[in-house]
PDB file of N, CA and C in Angstrom:
ATOM      1  N   MET A   1     -76.876  45.742 -79.679  1.00  0.00           N
ATOM      2  CA  MET A   1     -76.221  46.663 -80.584  1.00  0.00           C
ATOM      3  C   MET A   1     -77.124  47.868 -80.824  1.00  0.00           C
ATOM      4  N   LEU A   2     -76.623  49.024 -80.526  1.00  0.00           N
ATOM      5  CA  LEU A   2     -77.393  50.240 -80.731  1.00  0.00           C
ATOM      6  C   LEU A   2     -77.256  50.712 -82.166  1.00  0.00           C
ATOM      7  N   LYS A   3     -78.353  51.150 -82.737  1.00  0.00           N
ATOM      8  CA  LYS A   3     -78.332  51.794 -84.041  1.00  0.00           C
ATOM      9  C   LYS A   3     -78.632  53.262 -83.798  1.00  0.00           C
ATOM     10  N   GLU A   4     -78.085  54.110 -84.620  1.00  0.00           N
ATOM     11  CA  GLU A   4     -78.395  55.526 -84.481  1.00  0.00           C
ATOM     12  C   GLU A   4     -78.974  56.023 -85.786  1.00  0.00           C
ATOM     13  N   LYS A   5     -80.177  56.558 -85.731  1.00  0.00           N
ATOM     14  CA  LYS A   5     -80.856  57.076 -86.903  1.00  0.00           C
ATOM     15  C   LYS A   5     -81.358  58.468 -86.559  1.00  0.00           C
ATOM     16  N   ASP A   6     -80.844  59.448 -87.259  1.00  0.00           N
ATOM     17  CA  ASP A   6     -81.236  60.838 -87.005  1.00  0.00           C
ATOM     18  C   ASP A   6     -81.057  61.209 -85.535  1.00  0.00           C
ATOM     19  N   ASN A   7     -79.916  60.781 -84.958  1.00  0.00           N
ATOM     20  CA  ASN A   7     -79.558  61.051 -83.566  1.00  0.00           C
ATOM     21  C   ASN A   7     -80.503  60.417 -82.548  1.00  0.00           C
ATOM     22  N   ILE A   8     -81.290  59.432 -82.982  1.00  0.00           N
ATOM     23  CA  ILE A   8     -82.154  58.693 -82.075  1.00  0.00           C
ATOM     24  C   ILE A   8     -81.574  57.298 -81.956  1.00  0.00           C
ATOM     25  N   LYS A   9     -81.182  56.906 -80.750  1.00  0.00           N
ATOM     26  CA  LYS A   9     -80.599  55.580 -80.560  1.00  0.00           C
ATOM     27  C   LYS A   9     -81.717  54.549 -80.436  1.00  0.00           C
ATOM     28  N   THR A  10     -81.559  53.460 -81.181  1.00  0.00           N
ATOM     29  CA  THR A  10     -82.539  52.389 -81.136  1.00  0.00           C
ATOM     30  C   THR A  10     -81.849  51.065 -80.854  1.00  0.00           C
ATOM     31  N   VAL A  11     -82.592  50.157 -80.283  1.00  0.00           N
ATOM     32  CA  VAL A  11     -82.105  48.804 -80.033  1.00  0.00           C
ATOM     33  C   VAL A  11     -83.088  47.857 -80.709  1.00  0.00           C
ATOM     34  N   PRO A  12     -82.662  47.202 -81.783  1.00  0.00           N
ATOM     35  CA  PRO A  12     -83.585  46.281 -82.457  1.00  0.00           C
ATOM     36  C   PRO A  12     -84.026  45.158 -81.523  1.00  0.00           C
ATOM     37  N   ARG A  13     -85.246  44.732 -81.698  1.00  0.00           N
ATOM     38  CA  ARG A  13     -85.817  43.643 -80.904  1.00  0.00           C
ATOM     39  C   ARG A  13     -86.248  42.530 -81.864  1.00  0.00           C
ATOM     40  N   PRO A  14     -85.272  41.706 -82.285  1.00  0.00           N
ATOM     41  CA  PRO A  14     -85.548  40.723 -83.340  1.00  0.00           C
ATOM     42  C   PRO A  14     -86.610  39.689 -82.985  1.00  0.00           C
ATOM     43  N   LEU A  15     -86.665  39.223 -81.734  1.00  0.00           N
ATOM     44  CA  LEU A  15     -87.683  38.246 -81.371  1.00  0.00           C
ATOM     45  C   LEU A  15     -89.073  38.869 -81.464  1.00  0.00           C
ATOM     46  N   PHE A  16     -89.191  40.100 -81.052  1.00  0.00           N
ATOM     47  CA  PHE A  16     -90.463  40.821 -81.134  1.00  0.00           C
ATOM     48  C   PHE A  16     -90.945  40.800 -82.584  1.00  0.00           C
ATOM     49  N   LYS A  17     -90.055  41.173 -83.508  1.00  0.00           N
ATOM     50  CA  LYS A  17     -90.422  41.241 -84.921  1.00  0.00           C
ATOM     51  C   LYS A  17     -90.784  39.852 -85.461  1.00  0.00           C
ATOM     52  N   THR A  18     -90.020  38.841 -85.099  1.00  0.00           N
ATOM     53  CA  THR A  18     -90.282  37.479 -85.561  1.00  0.00           C
ATOM     54  C   THR A  18     -91.644  36.983 -85.077  1.00  0.00           C
ATOM     55  N   LEU A  19     -91.909  37.165 -83.796  1.00  0.00           N
ATOM     56  CA  LEU A  19     -93.184  36.713 -83.237  1.00  0.00           C
ATOM     57  C   LEU A  19     -94.349  37.506 -83.808  1.00  0.00           C
ATOM     58  N   ARG A  20     -94.147  38.778 -84.002  1.00  0.00           N
ATOM     59  CA  ARG A  20     -95.220  39.607 -84.575  1.00  0.00           C
ATOM     60  C   ARG A  20     -95.533  39.147 -85.998  1.00  0.00           C
ATOM     61  N   LYS A  21     -94.502  38.850 -86.798  1.00  0.00           N
ATOM     62  CA  LYS A  21     -94.735  38.383 -88.169  1.00  0.00           C
ATOM     63  C   LYS A  21     -95.468  37.046 -88.187  1.00  0.00           C
ATOM     64  N   GLU A  22     -95.203  36.190 -87.207  1.00  0.00           N
ATOM     65  CA  GLU A  22     -95.911  34.912 -87.109  1.00  0.00           C
ATOM     66  C   GLU A  22     -97.393  35.118 -86.837  1.00  0.00           C
ATOM     67  N   ARG A  23     -97.711  36.174 -86.108  1.00  0.00           N
ATOM     68  CA  ARG A  23     -99.113  36.469 -85.762  1.00  0.00           C
ATOM     69  C   ARG A  23     -99.836  37.227 -86.871  1.00  0.00           C
ATOM     70  N   GLY A  24     -99.079  38.002 -87.656  1.00  0.00           N
ATOM     71  CA  GLY A  24     -99.706  38.773 -88.723  1.00  0.00           C
ATOM     72  C   GLY A  24     -99.077  40.142 -88.870  1.00  0.00           C
ATOM     73  N   SER A  25     -99.827  41.020 -89.509  1.00  0.00           N
ATOM     74  CA  SER A  25     -99.326  42.365 -89.788  1.00  0.00           C
ATOM     75  C   SER A  25     -99.245  43.206 -88.516  1.00  0.00           C
ATOM     76  N   GLN A  26     -98.527  44.316 -88.612  1.00  0.00           N
ATOM     77  CA  GLN A  26     -98.461  45.246 -87.487  1.00  0.00           C
ATOM     78  C   GLN A  26     -99.850  45.766 -87.155  1.00  0.00           C
ATOM     79  N   ARG A  27    -100.648  45.983 -88.175  1.00  0.00           N
ATOM     80  CA  ARG A  27    -102.011  46.474 -87.956  1.00  0.00           C
ATOM     81  C   ARG A  27    -102.822  45.451 -87.155  1.00  0.00           C
ATOM     82  N   PHE A  28    -102.759  44.184 -87.569  1.00  0.00           N
ATOM     83  CA  PHE A  28    -103.513  43.133 -86.887  1.00  0.00           C
ATOM     84  C   PHE A  28    -103.094  43.011 -85.423  1.00  0.00           C
ATOM     85  N   VAL A  29    -101.799  42.929 -85.180  1.00  0.00           N
ATOM     86  CA  VAL A  29    -101.312  42.759 -83.811  1.00  0.00           C
ATOM     87  C   VAL A  29    -101.627  43.988 -82.957  1.00  0.00           C
ATOM     88  N   SER A  30    -101.502  45.165 -83.537  1.00  0.00           N
ATOM     89  CA  SER A  30    -101.809  46.378 -82.763  1.00  0.00           C
ATOM     90  C   SER A  30    -103.283  46.416 -82.363  1.00  0.00           C
ATOM     91  N   ILE A  31    -104.154  45.944 -83.233  1.00  0.00           N
ATOM     92  CA  ILE A  31    -105.577  45.883 -82.898  1.00  0.00           C
ATOM     93  C   ILE A  31    -105.799  44.868 -81.776  1.00  0.00           C
ATOM     94  N   GLU A  32    -105.149  43.718 -81.887  1.00  0.00           N
ATOM     95  CA  GLU A  32    -105.262  42.676 -80.856  1.00  0.00           C
ATOM     96  C   GLU A  32    -104.789  43.188 -79.491  1.00  0.00           C
ATOM     97  N   LEU A  33    -103.730  43.995 -79.492  1.00  0.00           N
ATOM     98  CA  LEU A  33    -103.165  44.519 -78.245  1.00  0.00           C
ATOM     99  C   LEU A  33    -103.808  45.832 -77.799  1.00  0.00           C
ATOM    100  N   ASP A  34    -104.668  46.378 -78.643  1.00  0.00           N
ATOM    101  CA  ASP A  34    -105.352  47.639 -78.357  1.00  0.00           C
ATOM    102  C   ASP A  34    -104.365  48.794 -78.174  1.00  0.00           C
ATOM    103  N   ILE A  35    -103.402  48.863 -79.116  1.00  0.00           N
ATOM    104  CA  ILE A  35    -102.461  49.985 -79.147  1.00  0.00           C
ATOM    105  C   ILE A  35    -102.384  50.494 -80.587  1.00  0.00           C
ATOM    106  N   ALA A  36    -101.859  51.678 -80.770  1.00  0.00           N
ATOM    107  CA  ALA A  36    -101.723  52.250 -82.106  1.00  0.00           C
ATOM    108  C   ALA A  36    -100.682  51.472 -82.913  1.00  0.00           C
ATOM    109  N   GLU A  37    -100.949  51.336 -84.198  1.00  0.00           N
ATOM    110  CA  GLU A  37    -100.018  50.636 -85.086  1.00  0.00           C
ATOM    111  C   GLU A  37     -98.641  51.298 -85.075  1.00  0.00           C
ATOM    112  N   SER A  38     -98.607  52.618 -85.066  1.00  0.00           N
ATOM    113  CA  SER A  38     -97.322  53.323 -85.056  1.00  0.00           C
ATOM    114  C   SER A  38     -96.558  53.056 -83.751  1.00  0.00           C
ATOM    115  N   TYR A  39     -97.293  52.929 -82.641  1.00  0.00           N
ATOM    116  CA  TYR A  39     -96.654  52.641 -81.359  1.00  0.00           C
ATOM    117  C   TYR A  39     -96.062  51.233 -81.368  1.00  0.00           C
ATOM    118  N   LEU A  40     -96.793  50.276 -81.935  1.00  0.00           N
ATOM    119  CA  LEU A  40     -96.278  48.911 -82.053  1.00  0.00           C
ATOM    120  C   LEU A  40     -94.999  48.911 -82.887  1.00  0.00           C
ATOM    121  N   ARG A  41     -94.999  49.639 -83.984  1.00  0.00           N
ATOM    122  CA  ARG A  41     -93.823  49.741 -84.848  1.00  0.00           C
ATOM    123  C   ARG A  41     -92.639  50.321 -84.082  1.00  0.00           C
ATOM    124  N   HIS A  42     -92.893  51.350 -83.293  1.00  0.00           N
ATOM    125  CA  HIS A  42     -91.826  51.961 -82.497  1.00  0.00           C
ATOM    126  C   HIS A  42     -91.288  50.987 -81.434  1.00  0.00           C
ATOM    127  N   LEU A  43     -92.174  50.242 -80.813  1.00  0.00           N
ATOM    128  CA  LEU A  43     -91.740  49.245 -79.830  1.00  0.00           C
ATOM    129  C   LEU A  43     -90.893  48.170 -80.502  1.00  0.00           C
ATOM    130  N   GLU A  44     -91.375  47.688 -81.630  1.00  0.00           N
ATOM    131  CA  GLU A  44     -90.698  46.616 -82.366  1.00  0.00           C
ATOM    132  C   GLU A  44     -89.296  47.023 -82.800  1.00  0.00           C
ATOM    133  N   ASN A  45     -89.152  48.263 -83.205  1.00  0.00           N
ATOM    134  CA  ASN A  45     -87.862  48.744 -83.703  1.00  0.00           C
ATOM    135  C   ASN A  45     -86.994  49.389 -82.626  1.00  0.00           C
ATOM    136  N   GLY A  46     -87.483  49.407 -81.403  1.00  0.00           N
ATOM    137  CA  GLY A  46     -86.690  49.909 -80.293  1.00  0.00           C
ATOM    138  C   GLY A  46     -86.620  51.410 -80.162  1.00  0.00           C
ATOM    139  N   TYR A  47     -87.548  52.127 -80.782  1.00  0.00           N
ATOM    140  CA  TYR A  47     -87.557  53.586 -80.665  1.00  0.00           C
ATOM    141  C   TYR A  47     -88.132  54.050 -79.335  1.00  0.00           C
ATOM    142  N   CYS A  48     -88.910  53.181 -78.694  1.00  0.00           N
ATOM    143  CA  CYS A  48     -89.481  53.541 -77.392  1.00  0.00           C
ATOM    144  C   CYS A  48     -89.651  52.273 -76.559  1.00  0.00           C
ATOM    145  N   ASP A  49     -89.924  52.466 -75.299  1.00  0.00           N
ATOM    146  CA  ASP A  49     -90.079  51.356 -74.363  1.00  0.00           C
ATOM    147  C   ASP A  49     -91.512  51.340 -73.828  1.00  0.00           C
ATOM    148  N   PRO A  50     -92.063  50.155 -73.640  1.00  0.00           N
ATOM    149  CA  PRO A  50     -93.434  50.075 -73.118  1.00  0.00           C
ATOM    150  C   PRO A  50     -93.462  50.277 -71.609  1.00  0.00           C
ATOM    151  N   SER A  51     -94.628  50.577 -71.108  1.00  0.00           N
ATOM    152  CA  SER A  51     -94.813  50.602 -69.658  1.00  0.00           C
ATOM    153  C   SER A  51     -94.685  49.160 -69.161  1.00  0.00           C
ATOM    154  N   PRO A  52     -94.399  48.980 -67.876  1.00  0.00           N
ATOM    155  CA  PRO A  52     -94.324  47.603 -67.363  1.00  0.00           C
ATOM    156  C   PRO A  52     -95.603  46.804 -67.620  1.00  0.00           C
ATOM    157  N   LYS A  53     -96.752  47.436 -67.460  1.00  0.00           N
ATOM    158  CA  LYS A  53     -98.025  46.749 -67.678  1.00  0.00           C
ATOM    159  C   LYS A  53     -98.149  46.279 -69.129  1.00  0.00           C
ATOM    160  N   LEU A  54     -97.816  47.150 -70.075  1.00  0.00           N
ATOM    161  CA  LEU A  54     -97.895  46.794 -71.485  1.00  0.00           C
ATOM    162  C   LEU A  54     -96.838  45.753 -71.844  1.00  0.00           C
ATOM    163  N   MET A  55     -95.667  45.858 -71.243  1.00  0.00           N
ATOM    164  CA  MET A  55     -94.597  44.896 -71.506  1.00  0.00           C
ATOM    165  C   MET A  55     -95.075  43.477 -71.184  1.00  0.00           C
ATOM    166  N   PHE A  56     -95.714  43.310 -70.039  1.00  0.00           N
ATOM    167  CA  PHE A  56     -96.203  41.987 -69.652  1.00  0.00           C
ATOM    168  C   PHE A  56     -97.400  41.561 -70.499  1.00  0.00           C
ATOM    169  N   LYS A  57     -98.225  42.511 -70.903  1.00  0.00           N
ATOM    170  CA  LYS A  57     -99.356  42.198 -71.779  1.00  0.00           C
ATOM    171  C   LYS A  57     -98.854  41.665 -73.124  1.00  0.00           C
ATOM    172  N   ILE A  58     -97.821  42.293 -73.672  1.00  0.00           N
ATOM    173  CA  ILE A  58     -97.262  41.862 -74.951  1.00  0.00           C
ATOM    174  C   ILE A  58     -96.593  40.496 -74.806  1.00  0.00           C
ATOM    175  N   ALA A  59     -95.846  40.308 -73.733  1.00  0.00           N
ATOM    176  CA  ALA A  59     -95.185  39.016 -73.500  1.00  0.00           C
ATOM    177  C   ALA A  59     -96.222  37.904 -73.362  1.00  0.00           C
ATOM    178  N   ASP A  60     -97.309  38.188 -72.668  1.00  0.00           N
ATOM    179  CA  ASP A  60     -98.377  37.201 -72.530  1.00  0.00           C
ATOM    180  C   ASP A  60     -99.012  36.907 -73.889  1.00  0.00           C
ATOM    181  N   TYR A  61     -99.223  37.930 -74.689  1.00  0.00           N
ATOM    182  CA  TYR A  61     -99.807  37.774 -76.024  1.00  0.00           C
ATOM    183  C   TYR A  61     -98.942  36.858 -76.893  1.00  0.00           C
ATOM    184  N   PHE A  62     -97.628  37.065 -76.846  1.00  0.00           N
ATOM    185  CA  PHE A  62     -96.711  36.258 -77.647  1.00  0.00           C
ATOM    186  C   PHE A  62     -96.282  34.971 -76.928  1.00  0.00           C
ATOM    187  N   GLN A  63     -96.742  34.797 -75.698  1.00  0.00           N
ATOM    188  CA  GLN A  63     -96.426  33.624 -74.878  1.00  0.00           C
ATOM    189  C   GLN A  63     -94.912  33.410 -74.760  1.00  0.00           C
ATOM    190  N   CYS A  64     -94.242  34.465 -74.323  1.00  0.00           N
ATOM    191  CA  CYS A  64     -92.801  34.384 -74.103  1.00  0.00           C
ATOM    192  C   CYS A  64     -92.426  35.275 -72.927  1.00  0.00           C
ATOM    193  N   SER A  65     -91.185  35.224 -72.568  1.00  0.00           N
ATOM    194  CA  SER A  65     -90.678  35.994 -71.436  1.00  0.00           C
ATOM    195  C   SER A  65     -90.434  37.453 -71.832  1.00  0.00           C
ATOM    196  N   VAL A  66     -90.708  38.361 -70.905  1.00  0.00           N
ATOM    197  CA  VAL A  66     -90.384  39.770 -71.162  1.00  0.00           C
ATOM    198  C   VAL A  66     -88.877  39.940 -71.355  1.00  0.00           C
ATOM    199  N   TYR A  67     -88.100  39.084 -70.708  1.00  0.00           N
ATOM    200  CA  TYR A  67     -86.640  39.169 -70.823  1.00  0.00           C
ATOM    201  C   TYR A  67     -86.168  38.813 -72.229  1.00  0.00           C
ATOM    202  N   ASP A  68     -86.858  37.866 -72.868  1.00  0.00           N
ATOM    203  CA  ASP A  68     -86.504  37.497 -74.238  1.00  0.00           C
ATOM    204  C   ASP A  68     -87.046  38.512 -75.237  1.00  0.00           C
ATOM    205  N   LEU A  69     -88.220  39.020 -74.972  1.00  0.00           N
ATOM    206  CA  LEU A  69     -88.877  39.947 -75.886  1.00  0.00           C
ATOM    207  C   LEU A  69     -88.235  41.330 -75.874  1.00  0.00           C
ATOM    208  N   PHE A  70     -87.812  41.772 -74.707  1.00  0.00           N
ATOM    209  CA  PHE A  70     -87.188  43.091 -74.549  1.00  0.00           C
ATOM    210  C   PHE A  70     -85.813  42.937 -73.889  1.00  0.00           C
ATOM    211  N   PRO A  71     -84.856  42.303 -74.574  1.00  0.00           N
ATOM    212  CA  PRO A  71     -83.553  42.040 -73.947  1.00  0.00           C
ATOM    213  C   PRO A  71     -82.799  43.315 -73.573  1.00  0.00           C
ATOM    214  N   ASP A  72     -83.040  44.383 -74.311  1.00  0.00           N
ATOM    215  CA  ASP A  72     -82.371  45.649 -74.000  1.00  0.00           C
ATOM    216  C   ASP A  72     -82.829  46.212 -72.663  1.00  0.00           C
ATOM    217  N   LEU A  73     -84.075  45.953 -72.284  1.00  0.00           N
ATOM    218  CA  LEU A  73     -84.584  46.439 -71.004  1.00  0.00           C
ATOM    219  C   LEU A  73     -84.196  45.522 -69.863  1.00  0.00           C
ATOM    220  N   ALA A  74     -83.929  44.268 -70.180  1.00  0.00           N
ATOM    221  CA  ALA A  74     -83.532  43.300 -69.156  1.00  0.00           C
ATOM    222  C   ALA A  74     -82.056  43.392 -68.829  1.00  0.00           C
ATOM    223  N   ASP A  75     -81.279  44.000 -69.708  1.00  0.00           N
ATOM    224  CA  ASP A  75     -79.827  44.115 -69.511  1.00  0.00           C
ATOM    225  C   ASP A  75     -79.525  45.314 -68.620  1.00  0.00           C
ATOM    226  N   LEU A  76     -79.078  45.047 -67.406  1.00  0.00           N
ATOM    227  CA  LEU A  76     -78.826  46.126 -66.451  1.00  0.00           C
ATOM    228  C   LEU A  76     -77.746  47.092 -66.904  1.00  0.00           C
ATOM    229  N   LYS A  77     -76.888  46.675 -67.827  1.00  0.00           N
ATOM    230  CA  LYS A  77     -75.834  47.572 -68.328  1.00  0.00           C
ATOM    231  C   LYS A  77     -76.431  48.761 -69.083  1.00  0.00           C
ATOM    232  N   ASN A  78     -77.666  48.605 -69.570  1.00  0.00           N
ATOM    233  CA  ASN A  78     -78.307  49.681 -70.329  1.00  0.00           C
ATOM    234  C   ASN A  78     -78.958  50.733 -69.435  1.00  0.00           C
ATOM    235  N   TRP A  79     -79.045  50.471 -68.147  1.00  0.00           N
ATOM    236  CA  TRP A  79     -79.668  51.399 -67.210  1.00  0.00           C
ATOM    237  C   TRP A  79     -78.600  52.312 -66.617  1.00  0.00           C
ATOM    238  N   SER A  80     -78.917  53.562 -66.510  1.00  0.00           N
ATOM    239  CA  SER A  80     -77.955  54.484 -65.907  1.00  0.00           C
ATOM    240  C   SER A  80     -78.132  54.499 -64.391  1.00  0.00           C
ATOM    241  N   ASN A  81     -77.151  54.999 -63.709  1.00  0.00           N
ATOM    242  CA  ASN A  81     -77.194  55.092 -62.236  1.00  0.00           C
ATOM    243  C   ASN A  81     -77.813  56.398 -61.771  1.00  0.00           C
ATOM    244  N   ASN A  82     -78.455  57.111 -62.687  1.00  0.00           N
ATOM    245  CA  ASN A  82     -79.019  58.423 -62.343  1.00  0.00           C
ATOM    246  C   ASN A  82     -80.447  58.334 -61.808  1.00  0.00           C
ATOM    247  N   ALA A  83     -80.900  57.166 -61.489  1.00  0.00           N
ATOM    248  CA  ALA A  83     -82.287  57.011 -61.034  1.00  0.00           C
ATOM    249  C   ALA A  83     -82.477  57.550 -59.643  1.00  0.00           C
TER     250      ALA A  83
END
């Protein structure tokens, strides 16, 4: 489900948020992953997408599948044919 906030479309990532809360604050997890806290927040709320390398690093950190963690990126319907 897409949300639109100030004309920016976002896709919530509920598993990401749940797993992150189990590990601790956004600040703690961002330090563990060596990324900015604001970037982690944007990833968690679907405002931006990680690089493939970071996507797998985060999935490994949370010990889950990238497909479960980023379902919006795994869903081929969300990709355009303009590539």
